[in-house]
């Protein structure tokens, strides 16, 4: 990366970003890119990383300068590394920001090699940190770091699932290992959720205690040394049938912020995360999930005065950005859909050549 500013007074920097599926269950990639485009210090060139030719971000040329298809996570680290070697020979990528849970394992394993061999920097948790906050062991993680977490059973077979149901109280929540969660009020509903979620995401599946309350989420960024660089809390205003926030508002909640900062500090979390809580009528907070990447609503943080993706680039480049402690309360985000009209030739090009 050139450290000297260009004619615009900003520092040139090439960043590769995945998660371009800006659909009804959107990935974080496009909001991350929009946040980077707001930078006043960097002049970003954005390289999109895609797994599917129908990811809308591929065709949003006002936001993404060049796009490439990369191997699916199931192809393993060897195929991914080979593809990234080619990309680096063409693009000279400075920083890479992966945004899907399923791909993070491969990128975390490759991170030291990416930097030492290719000069591509990341800012990710270690594999130990990544696995420690997994849904299957989140209850133990909460006990270790002083956060309440609903009791959950991890099941690998249908027989284990039935045994978990026998000792559970309805309603309960059936969760996939990466995504999806369904509330079940009976054994039949739970069984239907098990088959649906396991067919889509594989095993194991979680059977979790249901906590009644108001869902509140926090997008946060940790420096890996116990410091929370930034955090913004949000309450969902509109939820899709997939449980995704289609509208939300930043809120003032000192206790939620204290809990989140303490968790990031105690875990010495390195990189972005989304903390999903349930706030009960008694004012107790239960951590439902800790997602190890930016949420799809991270652009709200920019609107509230905290640009977390830009700060992540600072951290990846070895800088020490100041903590962002203030944010605007009462800022809303509302998602919208629009038709993106593209040329069939573009679709054919990304599908056949893997570049656009």
Protein backbone atom coordinates (compact mmCIF):
# COMPACT_ATOMS: atom_id res chain seq x y z
CA UNK A 1 0.00 0.00 0.00
CA UNK A 2 1.20 3.48 -0.83
CA UNK A 3 1.37 5.48 2.39
CA UNK A 4 1.53 8.83 0.64
CA UNK A 5 -1.77 10.60 -0.11
CA UNK A 6 -2.91 10.94 -3.70
CA UNK A 7 -4.26 14.07 -5.40
CA UNK A 8 -7.46 13.81 -3.34
CA UNK A 9 -5.44 13.96 -0.12
CA UNK A 10 -6.37 10.39 0.80
CA UNK A 11 -4.23 7.26 1.07
CA UNK A 12 -4.78 4.65 -1.69
CA UNK A 13 -5.75 1.22 -0.35
CA UNK A 14 -7.12 -1.91 -2.06
CA UNK A 15 -9.54 -3.96 0.04
CA UNK A 16 -11.10 -7.32 -0.88
CA UNK A 17 -14.57 -7.90 0.59
CA UNK A 18 -16.80 -10.98 0.53
CA UNK A 19 -20.51 -11.30 1.29
CA UNK A 20 -22.03 -9.59 -1.76
CA UNK A 21 -25.43 -11.33 -1.55
CA UNK A 22 -27.54 -8.25 -0.91
CA UNK A 23 -30.91 -10.09 -0.91
CA UNK A 24 -33.72 -10.69 1.62
CA UNK A 25 -31.22 -12.31 3.99
CA UNK A 26 -28.33 -9.98 3.14
CA UNK A 27 -24.66 -10.57 3.71
CA UNK A 28 -22.57 -7.89 5.41
CA UNK A 29 -20.36 -7.27 2.36
CA UNK A 30 -22.24 -4.42 0.69
CA UNK A 31 -22.83 -2.49 3.94
CA UNK A 32 -19.12 -2.90 4.73
CA UNK A 33 -18.25 -1.54 1.28
CA UNK A 34 -20.63 1.40 1.71
CA UNK A 35 -18.92 2.17 5.02
CA UNK A 36 -15.48 2.08 3.39
CA UNK A 37 -16.69 4.44 0.68
CA UNK A 38 -17.47 6.97 3.42
CA UNK A 39 -13.83 7.18 4.49
CA UNK A 40 -12.22 10.62 4.46
CA UNK A 41 -8.71 9.23 5.01
CA UNK A 42 -8.49 6.35 2.51
CA UNK A 43 -9.11 6.20 -1.22
CA UNK A 44 -10.35 2.62 -1.42
CA UNK A 45 -10.32 0.36 -4.44
CA UNK A 46 -12.85 -2.38 -3.71
CA UNK A 47 -12.40 -5.95 -4.94
CA UNK A 48 -15.50 -8.11 -4.48
CA UNK A 49 -15.22 -11.82 -3.67
CA UNK A 50 -18.22 -13.85 -4.79
CA UNK A 51 -19.46 -17.42 -4.42
CA UNK A 52 -22.43 -17.12 -6.78
CA UNK A 53 -23.00 -15.42 -10.12
CA UNK A 54 -26.31 -13.99 -8.90
CA UNK A 55 -24.91 -12.06 -5.94
CA UNK A 56 -26.16 -8.51 -6.63
CA UNK A 57 -22.98 -6.85 -5.38
CA UNK A 58 -21.17 -8.19 -8.44
CA UNK A 59 -23.11 -5.78 -10.61
CA UNK A 60 -23.06 -2.70 -8.35
CA UNK A 61 -20.18 -1.05 -10.21
CA UNK A 62 -20.57 2.24 -8.36
CA UNK A 63 -19.50 0.43 -5.19
CA UNK A 64 -17.37 -2.51 -6.39
CA UNK A 65 -14.46 -1.83 -8.76
CA UNK A 66 -13.67 -5.44 -9.75
CA UNK A 67 -15.17 -8.79 -8.78
CA UNK A 68 -13.89 -12.35 -8.73
CA UNK A 69 -15.44 -15.70 -7.94
CA UNK A 70 -13.67 -17.71 -5.24
CA UNK A 71 -14.01 -21.40 -4.33
CA UNK A 72 -16.75 -22.41 -1.91
CA UNK A 73 -15.54 -22.91 1.69
CA UNK A 74 -16.05 -26.66 1.29
CA UNK A 75 -13.25 -26.70 -1.33
CA UNK A 76 -10.73 -26.13 1.47
CA UNK A 77 -7.77 -23.86 2.06
CA UNK A 78 -5.66 -25.15 -0.83
CA UNK A 79 -8.11 -24.10 -3.52
CA UNK A 80 -8.73 -20.78 -1.79
CA UNK A 81 -5.02 -20.01 -1.49
CA UNK A 82 -4.43 -20.81 -5.15
CA UNK A 83 -7.21 -18.44 -6.18
CA UNK A 84 -5.97 -15.66 -3.89
CA UNK A 85 -2.46 -15.97 -5.34
CA UNK A 86 -3.91 -15.19 -8.75
CA UNK A 87 -6.02 -12.32 -7.42
CA UNK A 88 -3.01 -10.81 -5.67
CA UNK A 89 -0.92 -10.97 -8.84
CA UNK A 90 -3.56 -8.83 -10.56
CA UNK A 91 -4.96 -6.59 -7.82
CA UNK A 92 -2.22 -6.06 -5.19
CA UNK A 93 -4.71 -6.37 -2.33
CA UNK A 94 -3.74 -4.64 0.94
CA UNK A 95 -6.51 -5.85 3.28
CA UNK A 96 -9.07 -8.65 3.06
CA UNK A 97 -12.36 -8.58 5.00
CA UNK A 98 -14.30 -11.89 4.97
CA UNK A 99 -17.95 -11.57 6.03
CA UNK A 100 -19.49 -15.06 6.13
CA UNK A 101 -19.38 -17.35 9.17
CA UNK A 102 -18.84 -20.44 6.99
CA UNK A 103 -15.76 -19.01 5.24
CA UNK A 104 -14.00 -17.63 8.32
CA UNK A 105 -12.41 -20.92 9.35
CA UNK A 106 -10.47 -21.10 6.08
CA UNK A 107 -9.44 -17.45 6.15
CA UNK A 108 -8.29 -17.66 9.77
CA UNK A 109 -6.12 -20.66 8.95
CA UNK A 110 -4.64 -18.89 5.95
CA UNK A 111 -4.18 -15.47 7.58
CA UNK A 112 -0.46 -15.86 8.53
CA UNK A 113 0.39 -17.21 5.06
CA UNK A 114 -1.62 -14.51 3.31
CA UNK A 115 0.41 -11.85 5.06
CA UNK A 116 3.85 -13.48 4.90
CA UNK A 117 3.66 -14.74 1.30
CA UNK A 118 1.22 -12.39 -0.43
CA UNK A 119 1.25 -9.25 1.71
CA UNK A 120 -2.52 -9.44 2.27
CA UNK A 121 -3.46 -8.37 5.78
CA UNK A 122 -6.50 -9.42 7.77
CA UNK A 123 -7.70 -8.75 11.30
CA UNK A 124 -9.36 -11.92 12.54
CA UNK A 125 -9.64 -13.88 15.80
CA UNK A 126 -7.52 -16.98 16.30
CA UNK A 127 -9.07 -20.38 15.64
CA UNK A 128 -9.24 -20.94 19.41
CA UNK A 129 -11.13 -17.68 19.91
CA UNK A 130 -13.37 -18.41 16.92
CA UNK A 131 -14.33 -21.87 18.18
CA UNK A 132 -14.73 -20.75 21.82
CA UNK A 133 -17.80 -18.58 21.06
CA UNK A 134 -19.49 -21.15 18.84
CA UNK A 135 -23.20 -21.70 19.47
CA UNK A 136 -22.56 -25.22 20.72
CA UNK A 137 -20.34 -24.00 23.57
CA UNK A 138 -21.71 -20.48 24.05
CA UNK A 139 -23.09 -21.30 27.51
CA UNK A 140 -19.61 -22.19 28.76
CA UNK A 141 -18.23 -19.11 27.01
CA UNK A 142 -20.72 -16.94 28.86
CA UNK A 143 -19.78 -18.48 32.21
CA UNK A 144 -16.11 -17.82 31.48
CA UNK A 145 -16.68 -14.15 30.65
CA UNK A 146 -19.49 -13.30 33.06
CA UNK A 147 -22.42 -13.14 30.63
CA UNK A 148 -25.72 -15.01 30.99
CA UNK A 149 -26.43 -17.44 28.14
CA UNK A 150 -29.49 -19.71 27.71
CA UNK A 151 -28.87 -23.39 28.34
CA UNK A 152 -28.51 -25.38 25.11
CA UNK A 153 -27.99 -28.98 24.01
CA UNK A 154 -25.94 -29.86 20.94
CA UNK A 155 -27.32 -32.84 19.04
CA UNK A 156 -25.70 -34.83 16.25
CA UNK A 157 -28.39 -37.49 15.67
CA UNK A 158 -32.17 -37.73 15.67
CA UNK A 159 -32.03 -39.93 18.79
CA UNK A 160 -30.04 -37.27 20.65
CA UNK A 161 -32.58 -34.72 19.46
CA UNK A 162 -35.48 -36.70 20.93
CA UNK A 163 -33.62 -37.08 24.23
CA UNK A 164 -33.03 -33.32 24.32
CA UNK A 165 -36.74 -32.72 23.75
CA UNK A 166 -37.62 -35.06 26.63
CA UNK A 167 -35.85 -32.81 29.14
CA UNK A 168 -36.78 -29.46 27.55
CA UNK A 169 -39.59 -27.03 28.33
CA UNK A 170 -41.69 -25.54 25.53
CA UNK A 171 -41.39 -23.22 23.79
CA UNK A 172 -37.80 -23.89 22.82
CA UNK A 173 -35.50 -22.78 20.01
CA UNK A 174 -33.97 -25.02 17.34
CA UNK A 175 -30.83 -23.51 15.80
CA UNK A 176 -28.52 -24.34 12.93
CA UNK A 177 -24.77 -24.48 13.43
CA UNK A 178 -24.24 -21.41 11.23
CA UNK A 179 -27.60 -19.78 10.55
CA UNK A 180 -31.35 -20.17 11.10
CA UNK A 181 -33.37 -20.42 14.29
CA UNK A 182 -36.98 -21.48 14.77
CA UNK A 183 -39.16 -21.32 17.87
CA UNK A 184 -41.04 -24.57 18.51
CA UNK A 185 -44.12 -24.86 20.73
CA UNK A 186 -44.47 -28.63 20.43
CA UNK A 187 -42.48 -31.77 19.62
CA UNK A 188 -43.91 -31.84 16.09
CA UNK A 189 -42.80 -28.27 15.43
CA UNK A 190 -39.39 -29.00 16.89
CA UNK A 191 -38.97 -32.10 14.73
CA UNK A 192 -39.97 -30.20 11.60
CA UNK A 193 -37.43 -27.48 12.44
CA UNK A 194 -34.72 -30.10 13.05
CA UNK A 195 -35.13 -31.69 9.63
CA UNK A 196 -35.40 -28.36 7.83
CA UNK A 197 -32.37 -26.77 9.48
CA UNK A 198 -30.14 -29.87 9.41
CA UNK A 199 -30.93 -30.41 5.72
CA UNK A 200 -29.82 -26.87 4.94
CA UNK A 201 -26.84 -26.39 7.27
CA UNK A 202 -25.90 -29.89 8.37
CA UNK A 203 -25.29 -31.21 11.87
CA UNK A 204 -25.01 -30.49 14.74
CA UNK A 205 -28.24 -28.71 15.61
CA UNK A 206 -28.88 -26.88 18.88
CA UNK A 207 -31.88 -27.15 21.17
CA UNK A 208 -31.86 -23.98 23.24
CA UNK A 209 -33.83 -22.63 26.17
CA UNK A 210 -36.34 -20.00 25.04
CA UNK A 211 -35.94 -16.60 26.68
CA UNK A 212 -38.85 -14.20 26.41
CA UNK A 213 -38.01 -10.53 26.01
CA UNK A 214 -36.87 -7.83 23.59
CA UNK A 215 -34.04 -8.57 21.20
CA UNK A 216 -31.24 -6.00 21.21
CA UNK A 217 -28.06 -6.28 19.16
CA UNK A 218 -24.63 -4.67 19.29
CA UNK A 219 -22.08 -4.31 16.50
CA UNK A 220 -18.62 -4.05 18.03
CA UNK A 221 -14.93 -4.05 17.12
CA UNK A 222 -12.15 -5.33 19.38
CA UNK A 223 -8.43 -4.72 19.04
CA UNK A 224 -7.42 -8.16 20.37
CA UNK A 225 -5.73 -6.66 23.43
CA UNK A 226 -8.80 -6.03 25.57
CA UNK A 227 -9.93 -2.74 24.06
CA UNK A 228 -13.31 -2.14 22.46
CA UNK A 229 -12.63 0.24 19.56
CA UNK A 230 -16.29 0.92 18.91
CA UNK A 231 -19.79 -0.34 19.66
CA UNK A 232 -23.31 0.67 18.64
CA UNK A 233 -26.51 -0.95 20.00
CA UNK A 234 -29.67 -1.47 17.97
CA UNK A 235 -33.24 -2.65 18.53
CA UNK A 236 -35.05 -4.32 15.66
CA UNK A 237 -38.19 -2.57 14.46
CA UNK A 238 -39.17 -4.92 11.65
CA UNK A 239 -38.18 -8.58 11.30
CA UNK A 240 -38.52 -10.73 8.18
CA UNK A 241 -39.82 -14.29 8.21
CA UNK A 242 -36.16 -15.39 8.33
CA UNK A 243 -35.63 -13.42 11.54
CA UNK A 244 -33.51 -10.75 9.85
CA UNK A 245 -33.83 -7.09 10.78
CA UNK A 246 -35.37 -5.07 7.95
CA UNK A 247 -35.50 -1.95 10.07
CA UNK A 248 -33.88 -0.95 13.35
CA UNK A 249 -33.00 1.99 15.54
CA UNK A 250 -29.95 2.87 17.61
CA UNK A 251 -30.79 2.97 21.31
CA UNK A 252 -29.42 4.29 24.57
CA UNK A 253 -28.71 1.41 26.92
CA UNK A 254 -25.75 1.93 29.29
CA UNK A 255 -26.01 -1.56 30.83
CA UNK A 256 -26.01 -3.23 27.41
CA UNK A 257 -22.95 -1.21 26.42
CA UNK A 258 -21.19 -2.03 29.67
CA UNK A 259 -21.85 -5.77 29.20
CA UNK A 260 -20.65 -5.70 25.60
CA UNK A 261 -17.47 -3.75 26.31
CA UNK A 262 -16.70 -6.06 29.23
CA UNK A 263 -17.18 -9.15 27.05
CA UNK A 264 -14.95 -7.81 24.26
CA UNK A 265 -12.31 -6.93 26.88
CA UNK A 266 -12.52 -10.21 28.80
CA UNK A 267 -12.37 -12.33 25.64
CA UNK A 268 -9.69 -10.07 24.14
CA UNK A 269 -11.72 -10.30 20.98
CA UNK A 270 -9.84 -9.51 17.78
CA UNK A 271 -11.91 -8.09 14.95
CA UNK A 272 -15.59 -7.36 14.37
CA UNK A 273 -18.47 -9.11 16.06
CA UNK A 274 -22.22 -8.93 16.46
CA UNK A 275 -23.60 -9.58 19.94
CA UNK A 276 -27.24 -10.68 19.98
CA UNK A 277 -28.98 -10.31 23.35
CA UNK A 278 -32.44 -10.86 24.77
CA UNK A 279 -33.47 -8.29 27.38
CA UNK A 280 -36.10 -9.74 29.71
CA UNK A 281 -38.90 -7.82 31.42
CA UNK A 282 -36.83 -8.05 34.62
CA UNK A 283 -33.99 -6.16 32.95
CA UNK A 284 -31.68 -9.17 32.62
CA UNK A 285 -29.57 -9.67 29.49
CA UNK A 286 -28.97 -13.06 27.89
CA UNK A 287 -26.39 -13.43 25.14
CA UNK A 288 -28.09 -15.47 22.40
CA UNK A 289 -25.29 -15.46 19.82
CA UNK A 290 -21.88 -13.96 19.20
CA UNK A 291 -21.31 -13.72 15.47
CA UNK A 292 -17.61 -13.37 14.57
CA UNK A 293 -18.00 -10.77 11.80
CA UNK A 294 -19.77 -7.55 10.93
CA UNK A 295 -23.58 -7.73 10.90
CA UNK A 296 -25.54 -6.82 7.77
CA UNK A 297 -26.75 -3.68 9.58
CA UNK A 298 -23.23 -2.36 10.29
CA UNK A 299 -23.85 0.67 8.08
CA UNK A 300 -26.13 1.99 10.84
CA UNK A 301 -22.98 2.42 12.96
CA UNK A 302 -21.60 4.73 10.27
CA UNK A 303 -24.81 6.74 10.36
CA UNK A 304 -24.42 7.00 14.13
CA UNK A 305 -20.88 8.35 13.84
CA UNK A 306 -18.72 5.20 14.11
CA UNK A 307 -17.12 3.75 10.98
CA UNK A 308 -16.16 0.26 12.14
CA UNK A 309 -14.99 -1.11 8.74
CA UNK A 310 -12.60 1.84 8.31
CA UNK A 311 -11.24 1.25 11.83
CA UNK A 312 -10.79 -2.44 10.98
CA UNK A 313 -8.59 -1.46 8.03
CA UNK A 314 -6.53 0.67 10.43
CA UNK A 315 -6.07 -2.31 12.75
CA UNK A 316 -5.18 -4.65 9.88
CA UNK A 317 -2.50 -2.21 8.73
CA UNK A 318 -0.95 -2.13 12.20
CA UNK A 319 -2.34 1.22 13.28
CA UNK A 320 -4.04 2.00 16.57
CA UNK A 321 -7.30 3.84 15.95
CA UNK A 322 -8.76 5.75 18.91
CA UNK A 323 -11.77 4.30 20.69
CA UNK A 324 -15.12 5.55 19.43
CA UNK A 325 -17.19 6.07 22.57
CA UNK A 326 -19.98 8.32 21.31
CA UNK A 327 -22.78 7.53 18.90
CA UNK A 328 -26.11 9.10 17.93
CA UNK A 329 -29.23 7.64 19.52
CA UNK A 330 -32.45 7.44 17.54
CA UNK A 331 -30.89 6.84 14.13
CA UNK A 332 -32.90 4.36 12.04
CA UNK A 333 -32.05 2.10 9.15
CA UNK A 334 -34.70 0.79 6.78
CA UNK A 335 -33.81 -1.71 4.09
CA UNK A 336 -35.38 -1.49 0.67
CA UNK A 337 -35.47 -3.58 -2.50
CA UNK A 338 -34.98 -2.44 -6.06
CA UNK A 339 -34.51 -4.11 -9.42
CA UNK A 340 -30.92 -4.10 -10.62
CA UNK A 341 -30.92 -4.31 -14.42
CA UNK A 342 -27.70 -5.79 -15.80
CA UNK A 343 -26.43 -7.10 -19.09
CA UNK A 344 -26.65 -10.83 -19.74
CA UNK A 345 -23.11 -10.57 -21.06
CA UNK A 346 -21.93 -9.56 -17.58
CA UNK A 347 -23.63 -12.56 -16.02
CA UNK A 348 -22.05 -14.85 -18.62
CA UNK A 349 -18.64 -13.30 -18.04
CA UNK A 350 -18.60 -13.84 -14.27
CA UNK A 351 -20.10 -17.32 -14.70
CA UNK A 352 -17.54 -18.50 -17.27
CA UNK A 353 -14.39 -16.48 -16.55
CA UNK A 354 -14.89 -15.89 -12.82
CA UNK A 355 -14.11 -12.18 -13.18
CA UNK A 356 -16.12 -9.05 -13.77
